């Protein structure tokens, strides 16, 4: 071990990180004399410390050679996501100011890695994403915002663009010519940075059964408490009521399973735990390692059982 540490800078860095994290202190290393890193496990809230310790005790009691994964440690709902968001592959970073302004205000001894990141950070927006004017947009400041907008995207009109985005739609539908794509990508980046628009995500909800006696209607008060009401969401498709536990439901269930290939029905069973209106499709794709095409096939075969809901 000592010989490895003597010859390998990577081994020394790994040891330094392990030692620091074990002591619950920040680890500072410089990889290849170039990449400057400071690492620390996120600080948990008081209410979560005991739960975290239980998770770690459970993890250490497992044989790590038999497939223990990050999900074993962090759980299916993710590691402290609400209190300490993590950067997932479907995320990006967006500077709140122009790169030149950020660099100008950085201290002289700023990390070279951070400076390089700011210089190369160019978040891309998909024209297939769905955007709409934010409910908290400061539209009363439109005059001053328009002047600033012209400095960034001189060939577009801010009021006209916001008017087009007053109705939720895929961004590529806002402009007609492909030659204008780059300008509109710059514009949407500006609008997001200024909190003028929000991106809508697609969430999935599996229709749940409502128990009722044959031939009688179920009062609203007797509905399954796990049934998710989508009426208050921004948009949903299709608009439908919760299915009831009767002959029609059983017929629909049989016909769906009959026409869906086995690999699709197996995938549906695997993904349905995420279809509770709490996980958008980008998160589902990331967590389960499925492609958009595979998810699209599930939605195709089970379109009578899944409600799609758009929300920010």
C-alpha atoms as a PDB file:
ATOM      1  CA  UNK A   1       0.000   0.000   0.000  1.00  0.00           C
ATOM      2  CA  UNK A   2       2.765   2.460   0.926  1.00  0.00           C
ATOM      3  CA  UNK A   3       4.532   1.734  -2.346  1.00  0.00           C
ATOM      4  CA  UNK A   4       1.356   2.487  -4.320  1.00  0.00           C
ATOM      5  CA  UNK A   5       0.849   5.743  -2.451  1.00  0.00           C
ATOM      6  CA  UNK A   6       4.478   6.693  -3.084  1.00  0.00           C
ATOM      7  CA  UNK A   7       4.260   6.092  -6.847  1.00  0.00           C
ATOM      8  CA  UNK A   8       0.670   7.103  -7.665  1.00  0.00           C
ATOM      9  CA  UNK A   9      -0.670  10.635  -7.257  1.00  0.00           C
ATOM     10  CA  UNK A  10      -4.166   9.296  -7.999  1.00  0.00           C
ATOM     11  CA  UNK A  11      -3.890   6.851  -5.090  1.00  0.00           C
ATOM     12  CA  UNK A  12      -2.813   9.700  -2.809  1.00  0.00           C
ATOM     13  CA  UNK A  13      -5.781  11.805  -3.934  1.00  0.00           C
ATOM     14  CA  UNK A  14      -8.192   8.929  -3.329  1.00  0.00           C
ATOM     15  CA  UNK A  15      -6.749   8.401   0.153  1.00  0.00           C
ATOM     16  CA  UNK A  16      -7.034  12.113   0.900  1.00  0.00           C
ATOM     17  CA  UNK A  17     -10.685  12.187  -0.204  1.00  0.00           C
ATOM     18  CA  UNK A  18     -11.556   9.042   1.773  1.00  0.00           C
ATOM     19  CA  UNK A  19      -9.856  10.320   4.916  1.00  0.00           C
ATOM     20  CA  UNK A  20     -11.575  13.709   4.737  1.00  0.00           C
ATOM     21  CA  UNK A  21     -15.037  12.319   4.024  1.00  0.00           C
ATOM     22  CA  UNK A  22     -14.664   9.741   6.815  1.00  0.00           C
ATOM     23  CA  UNK A  23     -13.945  12.611   9.192  1.00  0.00           C
ATOM     24  CA  UNK A  24     -16.877  14.635   7.790  1.00  0.00           C
ATOM     25  CA  UNK A  25     -14.554  17.424   6.613  1.00  0.00           C
ATOM     26  CA  UNK A  26     -13.994  18.984   3.171  1.00  0.00           C
ATOM     27  CA  UNK A  27     -11.467  17.263   0.911  1.00  0.00           C
ATOM     28  CA  UNK A  28      -9.251  19.491  -1.215  1.00  0.00           C
ATOM     29  CA  UNK A  29      -7.262  17.878  -4.047  1.00  0.00           C
ATOM     30  CA  UNK A  30      -5.630  18.990  -7.275  1.00  0.00           C
ATOM     31  CA  UNK A  31      -5.908  16.364 -10.010  1.00  0.00           C
ATOM     32  CA  UNK A  32      -2.935  16.223 -12.393  1.00  0.00           C
ATOM     33  CA  UNK A  33      -1.750  19.563 -11.025  1.00  0.00           C
ATOM     34  CA  UNK A  34      -4.590  21.219 -12.923  1.00  0.00           C
ATOM     35  CA  UNK A  35      -8.117  20.331 -11.754  1.00  0.00           C
ATOM     36  CA  UNK A  36      -8.760  21.959  -8.391  1.00  0.00           C
ATOM     37  CA  UNK A  37     -11.508  20.181  -6.421  1.00  0.00           C
ATOM     38  CA  UNK A  38     -13.135  20.716  -3.040  1.00  0.00           C
ATOM     39  CA  UNK A  39     -15.465  17.874  -2.071  1.00  0.00           C
ATOM     40  CA  UNK A  40     -17.798  17.304   0.851  1.00  0.00           C
ATOM     41  CA  UNK A  41     -20.846  15.169   1.565  1.00  0.00           C
ATOM     42  CA  UNK A  42     -23.929  17.470   1.695  1.00  0.00           C
ATOM     43  CA  UNK A  43     -24.970  18.512   5.180  1.00  0.00           C
ATOM     44  CA  UNK A  44     -28.212  16.840   6.171  1.00  0.00           C
ATOM     45  CA  UNK A  45     -31.007  18.454   8.126  1.00  0.00           C
ATOM     46  CA  UNK A  46     -31.642  17.444  11.725  1.00  0.00           C
ATOM     47  CA  UNK A  47     -34.722  15.441  10.805  1.00  0.00           C
ATOM     48  CA  UNK A  48     -32.816  13.364   8.296  1.00  0.00           C
ATOM     49  CA  UNK A  49     -29.652  12.448  10.223  1.00  0.00           C
ATOM     50  CA  UNK A  50     -31.090   9.336  11.879  1.00  0.00           C
ATOM     51  CA  UNK A  51     -32.604   8.179   8.573  1.00  0.00           C
ATOM     52  CA  UNK A  52     -29.265   8.750   6.820  1.00  0.00           C
ATOM     53  CA  UNK A  53     -27.402   6.772   9.508  1.00  0.00           C
ATOM     54  CA  UNK A  54     -29.855   3.907   9.131  1.00  0.00           C
ATOM     55  CA  UNK A  55     -29.310   3.914   5.372  1.00  0.00           C
ATOM     56  CA  UNK A  56     -25.535   3.858   5.794  1.00  0.00           C
ATOM     57  CA  UNK A  57     -25.698   1.072   8.419  1.00  0.00           C
ATOM     58  CA  UNK A  58     -27.834  -0.934   6.016  1.00  0.00           C
ATOM     59  CA  UNK A  59     -25.377  -0.265   3.194  1.00  0.00           C
ATOM     60  CA  UNK A  60     -22.317  -1.303   5.208  1.00  0.00           C
ATOM     61  CA  UNK A  61     -24.072  -4.502   6.285  1.00  0.00           C
ATOM     62  CA  UNK A  62     -24.416  -5.551   2.652  1.00  0.00           C
ATOM     63  CA  UNK A  63     -21.847  -7.429   0.643  1.00  0.00           C
ATOM     64  CA  UNK A  64     -20.683  -4.758  -1.800  1.00  0.00           C
ATOM     65  CA  UNK A  65     -19.602  -7.499  -4.184  1.00  0.00           C
ATOM     66  CA  UNK A  66     -23.217  -8.453  -4.757  1.00  0.00           C
ATOM     67  CA  UNK A  67     -24.571  -5.451  -6.569  1.00  0.00           C
ATOM     68  CA  UNK A  68     -25.016  -2.706  -3.985  1.00  0.00           C
ATOM     69  CA  UNK A  69     -25.787   0.476  -5.895  1.00  0.00           C
ATOM     70  CA  UNK A  70     -26.315   4.181  -5.286  1.00  0.00           C
ATOM     71  CA  UNK A  71     -30.032   3.458  -5.125  1.00  0.00           C
ATOM     72  CA  UNK A  72     -29.347   1.064  -2.210  1.00  0.00           C
ATOM     73  CA  UNK A  73     -27.785   3.969  -0.316  1.00  0.00           C
ATOM     74  CA  UNK A  74     -30.005   6.834  -1.378  1.00  0.00           C
ATOM     75  CA  UNK A  75     -33.345   5.093  -1.878  1.00  0.00           C
ATOM     76  CA  UNK A  76     -35.753   5.147  -4.800  1.00  0.00           C
ATOM     77  CA  UNK A  77     -36.810   8.726  -4.151  1.00  0.00           C
ATOM     78  CA  UNK A  78     -33.258  10.061  -4.543  1.00  0.00           C
ATOM     79  CA  UNK A  79     -30.711  11.435  -2.076  1.00  0.00           C
ATOM     80  CA  UNK A  80     -32.082  14.472  -0.249  1.00  0.00           C
ATOM     81  CA  UNK A  81     -33.173  15.829  -3.618  1.00  0.00           C
ATOM     82  CA  UNK A  82     -35.657  18.372  -2.311  1.00  0.00           C
ATOM     83  CA  UNK A  83     -33.295  19.804   0.311  1.00  0.00           C
ATOM     84  CA  UNK A  84     -30.027  19.478  -1.606  1.00  0.00           C
ATOM     85  CA  UNK A  85     -30.595  19.199  -5.373  1.00  0.00           C
ATOM     86  CA  UNK A  86     -28.102  17.191  -7.396  1.00  0.00           C
ATOM     87  CA  UNK A  87     -27.018  17.845 -10.977  1.00  0.00           C
ATOM     88  CA  UNK A  88     -28.412  15.069 -13.170  1.00  0.00           C
ATOM     89  CA  UNK A  89     -27.555  14.401 -16.834  1.00  0.00           C
ATOM     90  CA  UNK A  90     -30.798  16.032 -17.955  1.00  0.00           C
ATOM     91  CA  UNK A  91     -29.910  19.250 -16.098  1.00  0.00           C
ATOM     92  CA  UNK A  92     -27.721  22.111 -17.208  1.00  0.00           C
ATOM     93  CA  UNK A  93     -26.197  25.209 -15.654  1.00  0.00           C
ATOM     94  CA  UNK A  94     -27.366  28.689 -16.529  1.00  0.00           C
ATOM     95  CA  UNK A  95     -25.446  31.795 -15.502  1.00  0.00           C
ATOM     96  CA  UNK A  96     -27.684  34.499 -14.065  1.00  0.00           C
ATOM     97  CA  UNK A  97     -25.480  37.157 -15.683  1.00  0.00           C
ATOM     98  CA  UNK A  98     -23.488  37.355 -18.892  1.00  0.00           C
ATOM     99  CA  UNK A  99     -20.170  35.438 -18.664  1.00  0.00           C
ATOM    100  CA  UNK A 100     -18.222  38.685 -19.050  1.00  0.00           C
ATOM    101  CA  UNK A 101     -19.966  40.160 -15.991  1.00  0.00           C
ATOM    102  CA  UNK A 102     -19.360  37.025 -13.928  1.00  0.00           C
ATOM    103  CA  UNK A 103     -15.661  36.920 -14.822  1.00  0.00           C
ATOM    104  CA  UNK A 104     -15.251  40.626 -14.102  1.00  0.00           C
ATOM    105  CA  UNK A 105     -16.589  40.195 -10.575  1.00  0.00           C
ATOM    106  CA  UNK A 106     -14.558  37.102  -9.697  1.00  0.00           C
ATOM    107  CA  UNK A 107     -11.635  37.567  -7.267  1.00  0.00           C
ATOM    108  CA  UNK A 108      -8.081  37.556  -8.604  1.00  0.00           C
ATOM    109  CA  UNK A 109      -7.310  34.287  -6.813  1.00  0.00           C
ATOM    110  CA  UNK A 110     -10.391  32.506  -8.176  1.00  0.00           C
ATOM    111  CA  UNK A 111      -9.966  28.844  -9.036  1.00  0.00           C
ATOM    112  CA  UNK A 112      -8.680  28.406 -12.626  1.00  0.00           C
ATOM    113  CA  UNK A 113     -11.159  25.573 -13.025  1.00  0.00           C
ATOM    114  CA  UNK A 114     -14.054  27.848 -12.114  1.00  0.00           C
ATOM    115  CA  UNK A 115     -12.840  30.511 -14.538  1.00  0.00           C
ATOM    116  CA  UNK A 116     -12.590  27.941 -17.307  1.00  0.00           C
ATOM    117  CA  UNK A 117     -16.087  26.644 -16.511  1.00  0.00           C
ATOM    118  CA  UNK A 118     -17.601  30.116 -16.809  1.00  0.00           C
ATOM    119  CA  UNK A 119     -15.802  30.651 -20.121  1.00  0.00           C
ATOM    120  CA  UNK A 120     -17.060  27.432 -21.727  1.00  0.00           C
ATOM    121  CA  UNK A 121     -20.482  27.230 -20.097  1.00  0.00           C
ATOM    122  CA  UNK A 122     -23.009  27.515 -22.908  1.00  0.00           C
ATOM    123  CA  UNK A 123     -26.233  25.798 -21.862  1.00  0.00           C
ATOM    124  CA  UNK A 124     -28.329  24.577 -24.759  1.00  0.00           C
ATOM    125  CA  UNK A 125     -32.098  24.629 -24.904  1.00  0.00           C
ATOM    126  CA  UNK A 126     -34.104  22.150 -26.934  1.00  0.00           C
ATOM    127  CA  UNK A 127     -36.602  23.661 -29.330  1.00  0.00           C
ATOM    128  CA  UNK A 128     -38.845  20.690 -28.478  1.00  0.00           C
ATOM    129  CA  UNK A 129     -39.179  21.878 -24.885  1.00  0.00           C
ATOM    130  CA  UNK A 130     -42.459  23.466 -23.877  1.00  0.00           C
ATOM    131  CA  UNK A 131     -42.353  26.996 -22.464  1.00  0.00           C
ATOM    132  CA  UNK A 132     -44.954  29.441 -21.214  1.00  0.00           C
ATOM    133  CA  UNK A 133     -44.856  32.910 -19.642  1.00  0.00           C
ATOM    134  CA  UNK A 134     -44.101  32.559 -15.938  1.00  0.00           C
ATOM    135  CA  UNK A 135     -46.949  33.412 -13.541  1.00  0.00           C
ATOM    136  CA  UNK A 136     -44.414  35.474 -11.568  1.00  0.00           C
ATOM    137  CA  UNK A 137     -42.995  37.358 -14.570  1.00  0.00           C
ATOM    138  CA  UNK A 138     -42.470  41.077 -13.843  1.00  0.00           C
ATOM    139  CA  UNK A 139     -44.449  42.267 -16.841  1.00  0.00           C
ATOM    140  CA  UNK A 140     -44.909  45.692 -15.266  1.00  0.00           C
ATOM    141  CA  UNK A 141     -41.189  46.244 -15.958  1.00  0.00           C
ATOM    142  CA  UNK A 142     -41.532  45.366 -19.623  1.00  0.00           C
ATOM    143  CA  UNK A 143     -40.120  48.706 -20.843  1.00  0.00           C
ATOM    144  CA  UNK A 144     -36.782  48.393 -19.057  1.00  0.00           C
ATOM    145  CA  UNK A 145     -36.620  44.686 -19.827  1.00  0.00           C
ATOM    146  CA  UNK A 146     -37.206  45.338 -23.516  1.00  0.00           C
ATOM    147  CA  UNK A 147     -34.251  47.742 -23.666  1.00  0.00           C
ATOM    148  CA  UNK A 148     -31.989  45.156 -22.036  1.00  0.00           C
ATOM    149  CA  UNK A 149     -33.380  42.389 -24.257  1.00  0.00           C
ATOM    150  CA  UNK A 150     -32.462  44.412 -27.364  1.00  0.00           C
ATOM    151  CA  UNK A 151     -28.836  44.472 -26.226  1.00  0.00           C
ATOM    152  CA  UNK A 152     -28.764  40.668 -26.230  1.00  0.00           C
ATOM    153  CA  UNK A 153     -31.081  39.812 -29.130  1.00  0.00           C
ATOM    154  CA  UNK A 154     -31.395  42.972 -31.256  1.00  0.00           C
ATOM    155  CA  UNK A 155     -33.473  41.443 -34.054  1.00  0.00           C
ATOM    156  CA  UNK A 156     -36.364  40.202 -31.906  1.00  0.00           C
ATOM    157  CA  UNK A 157     -39.147  41.973 -30.037  1.00  0.00           C
ATOM    158  CA  UNK A 158     -39.650  41.031 -26.393  1.00  0.00           C
ATOM    159  CA  UNK A 159     -43.395  41.909 -26.242  1.00  0.00           C
ATOM    160  CA  UNK A 160     -44.084  39.920 -29.422  1.00  0.00           C
ATOM    161  CA  UNK A 161     -42.136  36.912 -28.137  1.00  0.00           C
ATOM    162  CA  UNK A 162     -43.901  36.956 -24.769  1.00  0.00           C
ATOM    163  CA  UNK A 163     -47.222  37.239 -26.565  1.00  0.00           C
ATOM    164  CA  UNK A 164     -46.441  34.073 -28.522  1.00  0.00           C
ATOM    165  CA  UNK A 165     -45.449  32.300 -25.309  1.00  0.00           C
ATOM    166  CA  UNK A 166     -48.607  33.313 -23.454  1.00  0.00           C
ATOM    167  CA  UNK A 167     -49.929  29.934 -24.559  1.00  0.00           C
ATOM    168  CA  UNK A 168     -47.894  26.829 -23.720  1.00  0.00           C
ATOM    169  CA  UNK A 169     -46.321  25.309 -26.825  1.00  0.00           C
ATOM    170  CA  UNK A 170     -43.163  23.676 -28.070  1.00  0.00           C
ATOM    171  CA  UNK A 171     -40.585  26.357 -28.688  1.00  0.00           C
ATOM    172  CA  UNK A 172     -39.948  25.428 -32.314  1.00  0.00           C
ATOM    173  CA  UNK A 173     -43.554  26.401 -33.043  1.00  0.00           C
ATOM    174  CA  UNK A 174     -42.801  29.988 -32.003  1.00  0.00           C
ATOM    175  CA  UNK A 175     -40.610  30.689 -35.020  1.00  0.00           C
ATOM    176  CA  UNK A 176     -41.101  29.569 -38.591  1.00  0.00           C
ATOM    177  CA  UNK A 177     -37.683  29.743 -40.241  1.00  0.00           C
ATOM    178  CA  UNK A 178     -34.757  27.491 -39.307  1.00  0.00           C
ATOM    179  CA  UNK A 179     -32.428  30.410 -40.025  1.00  0.00           C
ATOM    180  CA  UNK A 180     -33.824  32.133 -36.912  1.00  0.00           C
ATOM    181  CA  UNK A 181     -33.202  29.163 -34.603  1.00  0.00           C
ATOM    182  CA  UNK A 182     -29.971  30.465 -33.024  1.00  0.00           C
ATOM    183  CA  UNK A 183     -31.506  33.867 -32.309  1.00  0.00           C
ATOM    184  CA  UNK A 184     -34.501  32.275 -30.642  1.00  0.00           C
ATOM    185  CA  UNK A 185     -32.254  29.987 -28.573  1.00  0.00           C
ATOM    186  CA  UNK A 186     -30.432  33.079 -27.309  1.00  0.00           C
ATOM    187  CA  UNK A 187     -33.796  34.663 -26.598  1.00  0.00           C
ATOM    188  CA  UNK A 188     -35.170  31.730 -24.578  1.00  0.00           C
ATOM    189  CA  UNK A 189     -31.958  31.625 -22.541  1.00  0.00           C
ATOM    190  CA  UNK A 190     -32.465  35.313 -21.709  1.00  0.00           C
ATOM    191  CA  UNK A 191     -36.136  34.782 -20.816  1.00  0.00           C
ATOM    192  CA  UNK A 192     -35.317  31.900 -18.461  1.00  0.00           C
ATOM    193  CA  UNK A 193     -32.487  33.861 -16.854  1.00  0.00           C
ATOM    194  CA  UNK A 194     -34.864  36.771 -16.145  1.00  0.00           C
ATOM    195  CA  UNK A 195     -37.651  34.469 -14.856  1.00  0.00           C
ATOM    196  CA  UNK A 196     -39.964  35.594 -17.644  1.00  0.00           C
ATOM    197  CA  UNK A 197     -40.833  32.072 -18.789  1.00  0.00           C
ATOM    198  CA  UNK A 198     -40.895  28.600 -17.251  1.00  0.00           C
ATOM    199  CA  UNK A 199     -40.402  25.224 -18.848  1.00  0.00           C
ATOM    200  CA  UNK A 200     -43.276  22.782 -18.596  1.00  0.00           C
ATOM    201  CA  UNK A 201     -42.475  19.120 -17.943  1.00  0.00           C
ATOM    202  CA  UNK A 202     -44.608  16.106 -18.774  1.00  0.00           C
ATOM    203  CA  UNK A 203     -45.712  14.024 -15.807  1.00  0.00           C
ATOM    204  CA  UNK A 204     -47.530  10.689 -15.992  1.00  0.00           C
ATOM    205  CA  UNK A 205     -50.444   9.514 -13.853  1.00  0.00           C
ATOM    206  CA  UNK A 206     -51.823   5.978 -13.916  1.00  0.00           C
ATOM    207  CA  UNK A 207     -55.581   5.930 -13.633  1.00  0.00           C
ATOM    208  CA  UNK A 208     -56.536   4.230 -10.364  1.00  0.00           C
ATOM    209  CA  UNK A 209     -59.593   2.146  -9.619  1.00  0.00           C
ATOM    210  CA  UNK A 210     -62.473   3.407  -7.520  1.00  0.00           C
ATOM    211  CA  UNK A 211     -64.270   0.634  -5.693  1.00  0.00           C
ATOM    212  CA  UNK A 212     -68.031   0.682  -6.061  1.00  0.00           C
ATOM    213  CA  UNK A 213     -70.935  -1.699  -5.884  1.00  0.00           C
ATOM    214  CA  UNK A 214     -72.156  -2.963  -9.220  1.00  0.00           C
ATOM    215  CA  UNK A 215     -74.755  -0.629 -10.707  1.00  0.00           C
ATOM    216  CA  UNK A 216     -74.230   2.238  -8.259  1.00  0.00           C
ATOM    217  CA  UNK A 217     -72.419   5.533  -8.627  1.00  0.00           C
ATOM    218  CA  UNK A 218     -69.461   6.321  -6.345  1.00  0.00           C
ATOM    219  CA  UNK A 219     -69.751   9.635  -4.437  1.00  0.00           C
ATOM    220  CA  UNK A 220     -66.760  11.939  -4.626  1.00  0.00           C
ATOM    221  CA  UNK A 221     -66.134  11.442  -0.905  1.00  0.00           C
ATOM    222  CA  UNK A 222     -65.650   7.689  -1.384  1.00  0.00           C
ATOM    223  CA  UNK A 223     -62.915   7.959  -3.977  1.00  0.00           C
ATOM    224  CA  UNK A 224     -59.611   6.249  -3.381  1.00  0.00           C
ATOM    225  CA  UNK A 225     -57.402   8.734  -1.461  1.00  0.00           C
ATOM    226  CA  UNK A 226     -54.511   7.766  -3.736  1.00  0.00           C
ATOM    227  CA  UNK A 227     -56.413   9.004  -6.781  1.00  0.00           C
ATOM    228  CA  UNK A 228     -54.678  12.074  -8.203  1.00  0.00           C
ATOM    229  CA  UNK A 229     -56.876  14.959  -9.284  1.00  0.00           C
ATOM    230  CA  UNK A 230     -55.396  16.660 -12.346  1.00  0.00           C
ATOM    231  CA  UNK A 231     -58.008  19.378 -12.723  1.00  0.00           C
ATOM    232  CA  UNK A 232     -55.790  22.031 -11.124  1.00  0.00           C
ATOM    233  CA  UNK A 233     -52.788  21.336 -13.312  1.00  0.00           C
ATOM    234  CA  UNK A 234     -51.845  23.570 -16.219  1.00  0.00           C
ATOM    235  CA  UNK A 235     -52.791  21.119 -18.932  1.00  0.00           C
ATOM    236  CA  UNK A 236     -53.665  17.464 -19.226  1.00  0.00           C
ATOM    237  CA  UNK A 237     -54.386  15.026 -22.000  1.00  0.00           C
ATOM    238  CA  UNK A 238     -56.632  13.197 -22.231  1.00  0.00           C
ATOM    239  CA  UNK A 239     -59.246  14.787 -19.949  1.00  0.00           C
ATOM    240  CA  UNK A 240     -60.958  11.876 -18.244  1.00  0.00           C
ATOM    241  CA  UNK A 241     -62.493  10.747 -14.985  1.00  0.00           C
ATOM    242  CA  UNK A 242     -61.095   7.980 -12.807  1.00  0.00           C
ATOM    243  CA  UNK A 243     -62.076   4.573 -14.150  1.00  0.00           C
ATOM    244  CA  UNK A 244     -64.444   2.470 -12.045  1.00  0.00           C
ATOM    245  CA  UNK A 245     -64.048  -1.152 -11.015  1.00  0.00           C
ATOM    246  CA  UNK A 246     -66.555  -2.693 -13.397  1.00  0.00           C
ATOM    247  CA  UNK A 247     -66.825  -4.796 -16.516  1.00  0.00           C
ATOM    248  CA  UNK A 248     -65.609  -2.001 -18.784  1.00  0.00           C
ATOM    249  CA  UNK A 249     -62.361  -1.629 -16.799  1.00  0.00           C
ATOM    250  CA  UNK A 250     -61.704  -5.367 -16.881  1.00  0.00           C
ATOM    251  CA  UNK A 251     -62.307  -5.402 -20.640  1.00  0.00           C
ATOM    252  CA  UNK A 252     -59.925  -2.492 -21.132  1.00  0.00           C
ATOM    253  CA  UNK A 253     -57.275  -4.115 -18.966  1.00  0.00           C
ATOM    254  CA  UNK A 254     -57.487  -7.405 -20.861  1.00  0.00           C
ATOM    255  CA  UNK A 255     -57.402  -5.747 -24.283  1.00  0.00           C
ATOM    256  CA  UNK A 256     -54.384  -3.613 -23.318  1.00  0.00           C
ATOM    257  CA  UNK A 257     -52.360  -6.584 -22.132  1.00  0.00           C
ATOM    258  CA  UNK A 258     -53.419  -8.607 -25.148  1.00  0.00           C
ATOM    259  CA  UNK A 259     -52.118  -6.075 -27.674  1.00  0.00           C
ATOM    260  CA  UNK A 260     -48.983  -4.969 -25.796  1.00  0.00           C
ATOM    261  CA  UNK A 261     -45.835  -7.050 -26.467  1.00  0.00           C
ATOM    262  CA  UNK A 262     -44.424  -8.736 -23.374  1.00  0.00           C
ATOM    263  CA  UNK A 263     -41.374  -6.459 -23.226  1.00  0.00           C
ATOM    264  CA  UNK A 264     -43.675  -3.413 -23.265  1.00  0.00           C
ATOM    265  CA  UNK A 265     -45.957  -4.777 -20.543  1.00  0.00           C
ATOM    266  CA  UNK A 266     -42.906  -5.658 -18.436  1.00  0.00           C
ATOM    267  CA  UNK A 267     -41.555  -2.137 -18.948  1.00  0.00           C
ATOM    268  CA  UNK A 268     -44.916  -0.656 -17.949  1.00  0.00           C
ATOM    269  CA  UNK A 269     -44.887  -2.671 -14.712  1.00  0.00           C
ATOM    270  CA  UNK A 270     -41.368  -1.411 -14.070  1.00  0.00           C
ATOM    271  CA  UNK A 271     -42.166   2.250 -14.714  1.00  0.00           C
ATOM    272  CA  UNK A 272     -45.636   2.568 -13.209  1.00  0.00           C
ATOM    273  CA  UNK A 273     -44.263   3.400  -9.738  1.00  0.00           C
ATOM    274  CA  UNK A 274     -43.088   6.703 -11.249  1.00  0.00           C
ATOM    275  CA  UNK A 275     -46.502   7.423 -12.743  1.00  0.00           C
ATOM    276  CA  UNK A 276     -47.842   9.260  -9.717  1.00  0.00           C
ATOM    277  CA  UNK A 277     -47.609  12.816 -11.028  1.00  0.00           C
ATOM    278  CA  UNK A 278     -44.399  13.442  -9.071  1.00  0.00           C
ATOM    279  CA  UNK A 279     -41.724  12.401 -11.603  1.00  0.00           C
ATOM    280  CA  UNK A 280     -41.368  14.057 -15.012  1.00  0.00           C
ATOM    281  CA  UNK A 281     -40.384  11.957 -18.010  1.00  0.00           C
ATOM    282  CA  UNK A 282     -36.760  13.195 -18.116  1.00  0.00           C
ATOM    283  CA  UNK A 283     -36.291  11.930 -14.568  1.00  0.00           C
ATOM    284  CA  UNK A 284     -37.942   8.588 -15.398  1.00  0.00           C
ATOM    285  CA  UNK A 285     -35.688   8.125 -18.426  1.00  0.00           C
ATOM    286  CA  UNK A 286     -32.605   8.933 -16.344  1.00  0.00           C
ATOM    287  CA  UNK A 287     -33.484   6.796 -13.328  1.00  0.00           C
ATOM    288  CA  UNK A 288     -34.480   3.697 -15.278  1.00  0.00           C
ATOM    289  CA  UNK A 289     -32.068   4.000 -18.197  1.00  0.00           C
ATOM    290  CA  UNK A 290     -34.771   3.779 -20.859  1.00  0.00           C
ATOM    291  CA  UNK A 291     -34.918   5.617 -24.154  1.00  0.00           C
ATOM    292  CA  UNK A 292     -37.588   8.092 -25.229  1.00  0.00           C
ATOM    293  CA  UNK A 293     -38.670   5.577 -27.843  1.00  0.00           C
ATOM    294  CA  UNK A 294     -39.240   2.880 -25.205  1.00  0.00           C
ATOM    295  CA  UNK A 295     -41.237   5.265 -23.033  1.00  0.00           C
ATOM    296  CA  UNK A 296     -43.177   6.348 -26.107  1.00  0.00           C
ATOM    297  CA  UNK A 297     -44.158   2.734 -26.804  1.00  0.00           C
ATOM    298  CA  UNK A 298     -45.445   2.372 -23.236  1.00  0.00           C
ATOM    299  CA  UNK A 299     -47.554   5.509 -23.689  1.00  0.00           C
ATOM    300  CA  UNK A 300     -48.809   4.195 -27.032  1.00  0.00           C
ATOM    301  CA  UNK A 301     -50.002   0.830 -25.746  1.00  0.00           C
ATOM    302  CA  UNK A 302     -51.279   2.112 -22.400  1.00  0.00           C
ATOM    303  CA  UNK A 303     -52.730   5.430 -23.544  1.00  0.00           C
ATOM    304  CA  UNK A 304     -56.134   4.438 -22.133  1.00  0.00           C
ATOM    305  CA  UNK A 305     -54.649   3.995 -18.657  1.00  0.00           C
ATOM    306  CA  UNK A 306     -52.173   6.881 -18.418  1.00  0.00           C
ATOM    307  CA  UNK A 307     -52.957  10.592 -18.132  1.00  0.00           C
ATOM    308  CA  UNK A 308     -50.227  13.013 -19.242  1.00  0.00           C
ATOM    309  CA  UNK A 309     -49.999  16.210 -17.202  1.00  0.00           C
ATOM    310  CA  UNK A 310     -47.900  19.280 -17.999  1.00  0.00           C
ATOM    311  CA  UNK A 311     -46.586  21.373 -15.138  1.00  0.00           C
ATOM    312  CA  UNK A 312     -43.573  23.534 -14.264  1.00  0.00           C
END
